[in-house]
C-alpha cells in the first residue's frame, strides 16, 4: 500500500479510536504508520537488496517496536519532568476530558502524564503499525510479520498495490469533517465532540466492509479456478489478484501439470467462465541443467519468496541461460518492481554466473 494511504489510515485511527490524543501523539502515530515503508530505499541498492529488505524486517511487529514505538516512549518519558510545570507539553500528548481539572501536585501530574504516555505513545502507535501490516498483508507482496521467529510471508492477495477505493474513503473520512467544521465555525456554531472522530470511525468501518467484500470475492474466484480443468488438466495451484478499480475483475493464474495458465475472471459472471480460454505458458521439461540452476544460492533466495515461479531455458553461444521469474508481479500489476533470477551455465550444466536482476532490464 502507498505511503499516503498508510498516513491517512493512521490519522483515522488516531482520530477515531484515540480522540483526545494530542498533536505530538497524533504526529507520532502517523510517523509509525508510514515509517516501515522506509525499506523502499533498498531498491536503490539493487534487486538483491530489495528482495532481502523490502517488506521484511521493518514490516514485523518487533521491527515496529524497535524503530518507532520504543523511541517515542523514551521521548515521552524524558518529557515527564517538563510536563509537571508546562501544561502545553502535557496537552501535546493527551488532552483532558471535558470537566477534568489539571492536577496541582507535580507527582499527580507526572502519574497522569505517564498514563497518557502509555495510551498515546505506546498503544496508539502500535495500532497504527498493526494497521499498516494488516493492509500490506492483504496484498500480494506479503509481509514478514513474525520475524525473527518465522520468515513466513503473509499475503492474502485481496487488495491491489494502490487501492483507489480505500484512498478515496480515507480522504473523505478526513476531509469532510474538516469542511463541516469550517462551515460551523463560520456560522458561529461550536461542537464539543472530539475533532473528526465520527468521520474517522465511519471511514474505518467502511474500509473493513470493503476489505471483507474483496476477501469474499477472492475466495469465490479461487474456488472457481480450483474446480475447473484447464485444457484437459486439473488445477494444482491457483492464485487470483485484484484489478485496482474493478471489484469484478480478477487476474487468475493456475498451475497444471504441464503449464501455467493466465486468465481473467469476472467475479459477478462466473456462468460464462471458459477455462480453455486461458493463456498457456508451458513449463520446461525437467533436466540436469534446470536442476543445477535451481540449486544455486541465487535461485533458492528467489524461490523462497516467489509465489508463482516460472522458468525458461535458452541456448547461447557459450552454453545456456536459465531465467526464473514470478508471474505474481504481472498479475498483481507490479511489473515496475519485478525481480528475476538469471543463471548462466556452460554446455556441461555447470554454473558460470548467477545474479538477481530487474526484470525490466532483461533483453531476452
Protein backbone atom coordinates (compact mmCIF):
# COMPACT_ATOMS: atom_id res chain seq x y z
CA UNK A 1 0.00 0.00 0.00
CA UNK A 2 1.25 3.50 -0.78
CA UNK A 3 2.57 5.79 1.94
CA UNK A 4 -0.27 8.34 1.55
CA UNK A 5 -2.87 5.67 2.30
CA UNK A 6 -0.90 4.49 5.33
CA UNK A 7 -0.56 8.03 6.64
CA UNK A 8 -4.28 8.78 6.28
CA UNK A 9 -5.21 5.42 7.82
CA UNK A 10 -3.02 6.15 10.85
CA UNK A 11 -4.61 9.58 11.21
CA UNK A 12 -8.06 7.98 11.03
CA UNK A 13 -7.11 5.51 13.79
CA UNK A 14 -5.85 8.34 15.99
CA UNK A 15 -8.96 10.44 15.49
CA UNK A 16 -11.45 7.60 15.69
CA UNK A 17 -10.07 5.42 18.48
CA UNK A 18 -7.99 7.96 20.45
CA UNK A 19 -9.99 11.19 20.12
CA UNK A 20 -8.15 13.01 22.94
CA UNK A 21 -4.66 12.33 21.66
CA UNK A 22 -2.53 15.47 21.46
CA UNK A 23 -0.80 16.82 18.36
CA UNK A 24 2.53 15.23 19.22
CA UNK A 25 0.90 11.85 19.83
CA UNK A 26 -1.01 12.02 16.54
CA UNK A 27 2.13 13.01 14.66
CA UNK A 28 3.97 10.07 16.24
CA UNK A 29 1.19 7.67 15.23
CA UNK A 30 1.25 8.88 11.62
CA UNK A 31 5.04 8.55 11.61
CA UNK A 32 4.86 4.98 12.89
CA UNK A 33 2.16 4.19 10.33
CA UNK A 34 4.42 5.29 7.48
CA UNK A 35 7.91 4.50 8.75
CA UNK A 36 8.04 0.78 7.82
CA UNK A 37 7.93 1.77 4.15
CA UNK A 38 11.34 3.39 4.51
CA UNK A 39 12.67 -0.02 3.44
CA UNK A 40 11.89 1.00 -0.18
CA UNK A 41 15.35 2.62 -0.05
CA UNK A 42 16.71 -0.91 -0.52
CA UNK A 43 15.64 -0.75 -4.18
CA UNK A 44 18.42 1.80 -4.81
CA UNK A 45 20.96 -0.86 -3.85
CA UNK A 46 19.81 -3.35 -6.45
CA UNK A 47 17.36 -6.25 -6.77
CA UNK A 48 19.17 -8.47 -4.28
CA UNK A 49 18.88 -5.85 -1.53
CA UNK A 50 15.26 -5.19 -2.49
CA UNK A 51 14.36 -8.88 -2.25
CA UNK A 52 16.10 -9.16 1.12
CA UNK A 53 14.92 -6.00 2.87
CA UNK A 54 11.71 -4.82 1.15
CA UNK A 55 8.60 -5.69 3.22
CA UNK A 56 10.60 -7.89 5.57
CA UNK A 57 12.31 -6.85 8.81
CA UNK A 58 10.71 -3.42 9.22
CA UNK A 59 7.34 -4.95 8.36
CA UNK A 60 7.34 -7.07 11.51
CA UNK A 61 5.90 -6.43 14.95
CA UNK A 62 9.37 -6.47 16.51
CA UNK A 63 10.65 -4.10 13.84
CA UNK A 64 7.85 -1.62 14.54
CA UNK A 65 8.65 -1.64 18.25
CA UNK A 66 12.37 -1.15 17.72
CA UNK A 67 12.20 1.63 15.13
CA UNK A 68 9.24 3.62 16.32
CA UNK A 69 7.33 2.73 19.48
CA UNK A 70 10.39 2.38 21.71
CA UNK A 71 11.95 5.73 20.66
CA UNK A 72 8.61 7.51 21.04
CA UNK A 73 8.20 6.08 24.53
CA UNK A 74 11.69 7.19 25.54
CA UNK A 75 10.96 10.67 24.17
CA UNK A 76 7.74 10.87 26.14
CA UNK A 77 9.40 9.75 29.37
CA UNK A 78 12.06 12.46 29.00
CA UNK A 79 9.23 14.99 28.78
CA UNK A 80 7.68 13.85 32.06
CA UNK A 81 9.53 16.35 34.25
CA UNK A 82 8.68 19.22 31.90
CA UNK A 83 5.02 18.24 31.92
CA UNK A 84 4.75 18.93 35.65
CA UNK A 85 5.24 22.63 35.07
CA UNK A 86 4.15 23.07 31.47
CA UNK A 87 0.54 22.34 30.59
CA UNK A 88 1.25 22.80 26.87
CA UNK A 89 3.65 19.84 26.89
CA UNK A 90 1.00 17.75 28.61
CA UNK A 91 -1.66 18.77 26.07
CA UNK A 92 0.56 17.74 23.17
CA UNK A 93 0.45 14.16 24.46
CA UNK A 94 -3.17 13.88 25.54
CA UNK A 95 -6.00 16.34 26.15
CA UNK A 96 -8.01 16.44 29.36
CA UNK A 97 -11.59 15.22 29.27
CA UNK A 98 -14.38 17.73 29.45
CA UNK A 99 -14.70 18.89 33.05
CA UNK A 100 -11.41 17.26 34.11
CA UNK A 101 -9.12 19.56 36.09
CA UNK A 102 -5.38 19.78 35.67
CA UNK A 103 -3.75 18.39 38.89
CA UNK A 104 -1.91 20.82 41.10
CA UNK A 105 0.64 18.48 42.67
CA UNK A 106 3.65 17.66 40.47
CA UNK A 107 3.51 13.97 41.43
CA UNK A 108 -0.14 13.72 40.36
CA UNK A 109 0.68 15.45 37.08
CA UNK A 110 3.53 13.01 36.49
CA UNK A 111 1.34 9.95 37.14
CA UNK A 112 -1.39 11.21 34.85
CA UNK A 113 1.18 12.07 32.20
CA UNK A 114 2.69 8.57 32.32
CA UNK A 115 -0.77 7.04 31.88
CA UNK A 116 -1.27 9.20 28.81
CA UNK A 117 2.15 8.15 27.52
CA UNK A 118 1.09 4.51 27.73
CA UNK A 119 -2.12 5.18 25.82
CA UNK A 120 -0.89 7.64 23.20
CA UNK A 121 2.81 6.83 22.77
CA UNK A 122 2.58 3.03 23.00
CA UNK A 123 -0.93 1.73 22.30
CA UNK A 124 -1.80 4.30 19.60
CA UNK A 125 1.39 3.87 17.55
CA UNK A 126 1.15 0.09 17.94
CA UNK A 127 -2.37 0.23 16.49
CA UNK A 128 -1.07 2.34 13.59
CA UNK A 129 1.76 -0.12 12.95
CA UNK A 130 -0.54 -3.14 13.09
CA UNK A 131 -2.95 -1.47 10.67
CA UNK A 132 -0.02 -0.87 8.31
CA UNK A 133 0.93 -4.54 8.44
CA UNK A 134 -2.69 -5.70 8.09
CA UNK A 135 -3.21 -3.60 4.95
CA UNK A 136 0.05 -4.81 3.41
CA UNK A 137 -0.74 -8.42 4.31
CA UNK A 138 -3.95 -8.11 2.29
CA UNK A 139 -1.85 -7.50 -0.83
CA UNK A 140 0.24 -9.88 -2.92
CA UNK A 141 3.77 -8.93 -1.80
CA UNK A 142 3.31 -10.11 1.74
CA UNK A 143 4.96 -9.07 4.99
CA UNK A 144 7.28 -10.96 7.35
CA UNK A 145 5.08 -10.24 10.36
CA UNK A 146 6.60 -12.73 12.83
CA UNK A 147 10.29 -12.13 12.14
CA UNK A 148 12.70 -13.19 13.69
CA UNK A 149 10.66 -16.18 14.89
CA UNK A 150 9.43 -17.02 11.39
CA UNK A 151 10.39 -15.90 7.88
CA UNK A 152 6.94 -16.75 6.53
CA UNK A 153 5.33 -14.01 4.46
CA UNK A 154 1.65 -13.27 4.94
CA UNK A 155 -0.10 -12.32 1.68
CA UNK A 156 -3.87 -12.62 1.18
CA UNK A 157 -3.96 -11.23 -2.41
CA UNK A 158 -7.17 -9.32 -1.65
CA UNK A 159 -6.05 -5.76 -2.39
CA UNK A 160 -4.12 -4.15 -5.27
CA UNK A 161 -0.81 -2.31 -4.68
CA UNK A 162 -2.62 1.03 -4.85
CA UNK A 163 -6.26 0.80 -3.84
CA UNK A 164 -8.10 3.89 -5.06
CA UNK A 165 -11.27 2.95 -3.19
CA UNK A 166 -9.56 2.82 0.20
CA UNK A 167 -7.72 6.05 -0.58
CA UNK A 168 -10.99 7.77 -1.54
CA UNK A 169 -12.71 6.57 1.65
CA UNK A 170 -9.89 7.86 3.83
CA UNK A 171 -9.74 11.24 2.09
CA UNK A 172 -13.49 11.65 2.54
CA UNK A 173 -13.34 10.49 6.17
CA UNK A 174 -10.65 13.08 6.99
CA UNK A 175 -11.62 15.98 4.71
CA UNK A 176 -15.41 16.09 5.06
CA UNK A 177 -15.42 16.59 8.87
CA UNK A 178 -12.86 19.38 8.43
CA UNK A 179 -15.09 21.02 5.84
CA UNK A 180 -18.14 20.74 8.09
CA UNK A 181 -16.13 22.12 11.00
CA UNK A 182 -15.07 25.09 8.88
CA UNK A 183 -18.66 25.78 7.89
CA UNK A 184 -19.81 25.51 11.52
CA UNK A 185 -17.15 27.97 12.66
CA UNK A 186 -18.27 30.46 10.03
CA UNK A 187 -21.83 30.44 11.35
CA UNK A 188 -20.68 30.55 14.97
CA UNK A 189 -21.68 27.01 15.98
CA UNK A 190 -19.23 25.14 18.17
CA UNK A 191 -19.11 21.37 18.58
CA UNK A 192 -17.92 19.77 21.80
CA UNK A 193 -17.30 16.41 20.11
CA UNK A 194 -13.68 15.36 19.52
CA UNK A 195 -12.40 16.64 16.20
CA UNK A 196 -13.21 14.36 13.26
CA UNK A 197 -14.00 11.30 15.38
CA UNK A 198 -17.30 10.35 13.74
CA UNK A 199 -15.95 10.67 10.21
CA UNK A 200 -12.86 8.62 11.08
CA UNK A 201 -14.92 5.82 12.64
CA UNK A 202 -17.26 5.71 9.64
CA UNK A 203 -14.28 5.63 7.28
CA UNK A 204 -12.58 2.79 9.18
CA UNK A 205 -15.85 0.83 9.27
CA UNK A 206 -16.32 1.25 5.51
CA UNK A 207 -12.77 0.03 4.89
CA UNK A 208 -13.39 -3.08 7.00
CA UNK A 209 -16.55 -3.81 5.00
CA UNK A 210 -14.77 -3.14 1.70
CA UNK A 211 -11.84 -5.43 2.55
CA UNK A 212 -14.31 -8.10 3.64
CA UNK A 213 -16.07 -7.89 0.27
CA UNK A 214 -12.72 -8.13 -1.53
CA UNK A 215 -11.79 -11.16 0.55
CA UNK A 216 -15.09 -12.90 -0.21
CA UNK A 217 -14.74 -12.25 -3.95
CA UNK A 218 -11.16 -13.55 -3.89
CA UNK A 219 -12.30 -16.74 -2.15
CA UNK A 220 -15.07 -17.26 -4.72
CA UNK A 221 -12.72 -16.74 -7.67
CA UNK A 222 -10.09 -19.08 -6.21
CA UNK A 223 -12.74 -21.75 -5.64
CA UNK A 224 -13.92 -21.38 -9.24
CA UNK A 225 -10.39 -21.80 -10.59
CA UNK A 226 -9.75 -24.84 -8.42
CA UNK A 227 -12.93 -26.54 -9.63
CA UNK A 228 -12.12 -26.36 -13.35
CA UNK A 229 -9.80 -28.20 -15.71
CA UNK A 230 -7.57 -26.16 -17.99
CA UNK A 231 -7.00 -27.65 -21.41
CA UNK A 232 -7.76 -31.08 -20.02
CA UNK A 233 -5.55 -30.76 -16.92
CA UNK A 234 -6.78 -30.25 -13.33
CA UNK A 235 -5.52 -27.31 -11.31
CA UNK A 236 -2.61 -27.97 -8.98
CA UNK A 237 -2.31 -24.48 -7.55
CA UNK A 238 -4.31 -21.30 -8.12
CA UNK A 239 -3.89 -17.61 -7.40
CA UNK A 240 -6.12 -14.62 -8.02
CA UNK A 241 -5.12 -10.96 -8.00
CA UNK A 242 -7.45 -7.94 -7.95
CA UNK A 243 -7.90 -5.20 -10.51
CA UNK A 244 -7.32 -1.79 -8.83
CA UNK A 245 -10.55 -0.07 -9.91
CA UNK A 246 -12.89 -3.00 -10.54
CA UNK A 247 -14.33 -5.29 -7.89
CA UNK A 248 -15.44 -7.71 -10.60
CA UNK A 249 -12.19 -8.33 -12.50
CA UNK A 250 -9.59 -10.69 -11.06
CA UNK A 251 -6.40 -11.89 -12.73
CA UNK A 252 -6.11 -15.63 -12.27
CA UNK A 253 -3.02 -17.82 -12.54
CA UNK A 254 -3.43 -21.59 -12.48
CA UNK A 255 -0.66 -24.16 -12.41
CA UNK A 256 -1.33 -27.52 -14.06
CA UNK A 257 0.97 -30.43 -14.77
CA UNK A 258 2.44 -29.04 -17.98
CA UNK A 259 1.72 -25.30 -17.93
CA UNK A 260 0.91 -22.10 -16.12
CA UNK A 261 -2.42 -20.65 -17.24
CA UNK A 262 -3.28 -16.95 -17.11
CA UNK A 263 -6.91 -15.92 -17.33
CA UNK A 264 -9.13 -13.02 -16.23
CA UNK A 265 -12.24 -13.84 -14.19
CA UNK A 266 -15.40 -11.79 -13.73
CA UNK A 267 -16.42 -12.48 -10.14
CA UNK A 268 -20.02 -11.42 -10.87
CA UNK A 269 -20.42 -13.50 -14.04
CA UNK A 270 -18.93 -16.93 -13.39
CA UNK A 271 -21.50 -18.76 -15.53
CA UNK A 272 -19.70 -17.67 -18.70
CA UNK A 273 -16.25 -18.63 -17.46
CA UNK A 274 -14.27 -20.66 -20.03
CA UNK A 275 -11.16 -22.26 -18.57
CA UNK A 276 -9.87 -23.26 -22.00
CA UNK A 277 -9.62 -19.58 -22.97
CA UNK A 278 -6.61 -19.19 -20.71
CA UNK A 279 -3.18 -18.22 -21.98
CA UNK A 280 -0.86 -21.22 -21.59
CA UNK A 281 2.79 -20.84 -20.64
CA UNK A 282 4.42 -24.25 -20.92
CA UNK A 283 6.87 -25.39 -18.27
CA UNK A 284 10.33 -26.51 -19.40
CA UNK A 285 10.99 -30.21 -19.12
CA UNK A 286 12.93 -31.41 -16.10
CA UNK A 287 16.65 -31.72 -16.81
CA UNK A 288 20.05 -31.69 -15.06
CA UNK A 289 20.52 -28.21 -16.49
CA UNK A 290 17.39 -26.87 -14.80
CA UNK A 291 18.22 -28.68 -11.57
CA UNK A 292 21.68 -27.10 -11.47
CA UNK A 293 20.18 -23.66 -11.94
CA UNK A 294 17.53 -24.15 -9.27
CA UNK A 295 20.07 -25.38 -6.74
CA UNK A 296 22.12 -22.17 -6.86
CA UNK A 297 22.05 -19.79 -3.91
CA UNK A 298 20.51 -17.07 -6.07
CA UNK A 299 17.69 -19.32 -7.26
CA UNK A 300 16.98 -20.54 -3.73
CA UNK A 301 16.80 -16.97 -2.49
CA UNK A 302 14.41 -16.08 -5.30
CA UNK A 303 12.23 -19.20 -4.98
CA UNK A 304 11.86 -18.69 -1.23
CA UNK A 305 9.89 -15.52 -1.98
CA UNK A 306 8.31 -16.21 -5.39
CA UNK A 307 4.63 -17.10 -5.38
CA UNK A 308 4.27 -18.41 -8.94
CA UNK A 309 7.78 -19.16 -10.25
CA UNK A 310 8.25 -19.65 -13.99
CA UNK A 311 11.46 -20.99 -15.52
CA UNK A 312 12.70 -20.52 -19.08
CA UNK A 313 15.80 -22.07 -20.66
CA UNK A 314 17.65 -20.53 -23.60
CA UNK A 315 20.67 -21.79 -25.51
CA UNK A 316 23.52 -19.35 -26.14
CA UNK A 317 26.84 -19.46 -27.97
CA UNK A 318 28.69 -20.41 -24.77
CA UNK A 319 26.10 -22.57 -23.02
CA UNK A 320 22.68 -21.88 -21.56
CA UNK A 321 20.77 -19.21 -19.69
CA UNK A 322 18.04 -20.02 -17.18
CA UNK A 323 15.71 -17.20 -16.17
CA UNK A 324 13.40 -17.54 -13.18
CA UNK A 325 10.51 -15.10 -12.97
CA UNK A 326 7.48 -14.73 -10.74
CA UNK A 327 4.15 -14.37 -12.58
CA UNK A 328 2.74 -12.73 -9.45
CA UNK A 329 4.29 -9.39 -10.44
CA UNK A 330 2.49 -9.12 -13.77
CA UNK A 331 -0.81 -10.49 -12.45
CA UNK A 332 -0.76 -8.10 -9.48
CA UNK A 333 0.27 -5.11 -11.62
CA UNK A 334 3.70 -4.60 -10.04
CA UNK A 335 5.97 -5.03 -13.06
CA UNK A 336 8.00 -1.93 -12.18
CA UNK A 337 9.48 -3.72 -9.16
CA UNK A 338 9.69 -7.20 -10.68
CA UNK A 339 12.82 -9.17 -9.82
CA UNK A 340 14.15 -12.16 -11.77
CA UNK A 341 16.96 -14.67 -11.24
CA UNK A 342 19.47 -15.01 -14.08
CA UNK A 343 21.71 -18.09 -14.07
CA UNK A 344 24.26 -18.83 -16.82
CA UNK A 345 25.64 -22.34 -17.37
CA UNK A 346 28.21 -23.93 -19.63
CA UNK A 347 27.42 -26.84 -22.01
CA UNK A 348 28.13 -29.29 -19.15
CA UNK A 349 25.43 -27.72 -16.94
CA UNK A 350 27.97 -26.10 -14.61
CA UNK A 351 27.01 -22.68 -13.31
CA UNK A 352 29.25 -19.88 -14.58
CA UNK A 353 27.36 -16.90 -13.15
CA UNK A 354 24.25 -16.14 -11.12
CA UNK A 355 22.53 -12.92 -10.09
CA UNK A 356 19.24 -11.28 -9.28
CA UNK A 357 18.24 -8.66 -11.84
CA UNK A 358 15.41 -6.25 -12.50
CA UNK A 359 13.10 -7.96 -14.97
CA UNK A 360 12.77 -4.71 -16.94
CA UNK A 361 16.50 -4.93 -17.76
CA UNK A 362 16.20 -8.32 -19.41
CA UNK A 363 16.62 -8.17 -23.15
CA UNK A 364 15.68 -11.71 -23.99
